[in-house]
Amino acid sequence: MADFGQTDLLQILDSGTTEIVIPDGTENVDSKTFTGSDEEILKKISRITKLSIPDSCKSPIHYGLDKLENLKEVELRGKAETLPPYFIGGAKSVEKVTLPPTLKVIPFHAFINCENLREINIPPALETIDFNAFTNCRSLEKIEFPKTLVSIGSIPSFWKTSSSFLLIISNPSKSTGS
């Protein structure tokens, strides 16, 4: 399966589940999958509590996630080494993100405006965090980076995080952006 769209999503939701598992092999999630103007469709979509995404998916998933008030958890399955830019940016209700242990790059704006993000596992293979990756993650209080971390795009990557935000870098001899 190369694409996943609103029709696929609605078929899953019609089964009564609120946890969406996008099938393995999906390469693209249509930008209109989580959006629309039909009230009945939006009501169904707004019930989603968990979204599980395969590593084959190369498109950002963020379109419409800001409207999913019940979405609390996002999981990336498989052996991905990078995320698409704006991965779930704007998903304000998400509290927990699970990333695969193979992830090496968190790109720009990957989690921007995920205001309720409290918990994210930082994979042991992580090497790079690009600029503004965690901007406006107001509920995020702590991130501990592995020794494999080589580069942080810029400190504003963590702009507008919690006032008690703690950034722990295990290998301070590596470079960070300005």
Foldseek 3Di string as FASTA:
>chain_A
DAEDAQVNVVVVLVVVDQAAEDDPPHAEYDLCNQHDDDPVSVVSSLSRAEYEAELNHADAPQRNLLSNQRHAEYEYDDQHQEAHALNNQNNQRHAEYEYDLNHAEQEARVHHNVQNHAYYAAHQNHAEYAALSQHNVANHAEDAHHLNHAEYNAPNVNHNYHPNHDYHYPHVVHDYHD
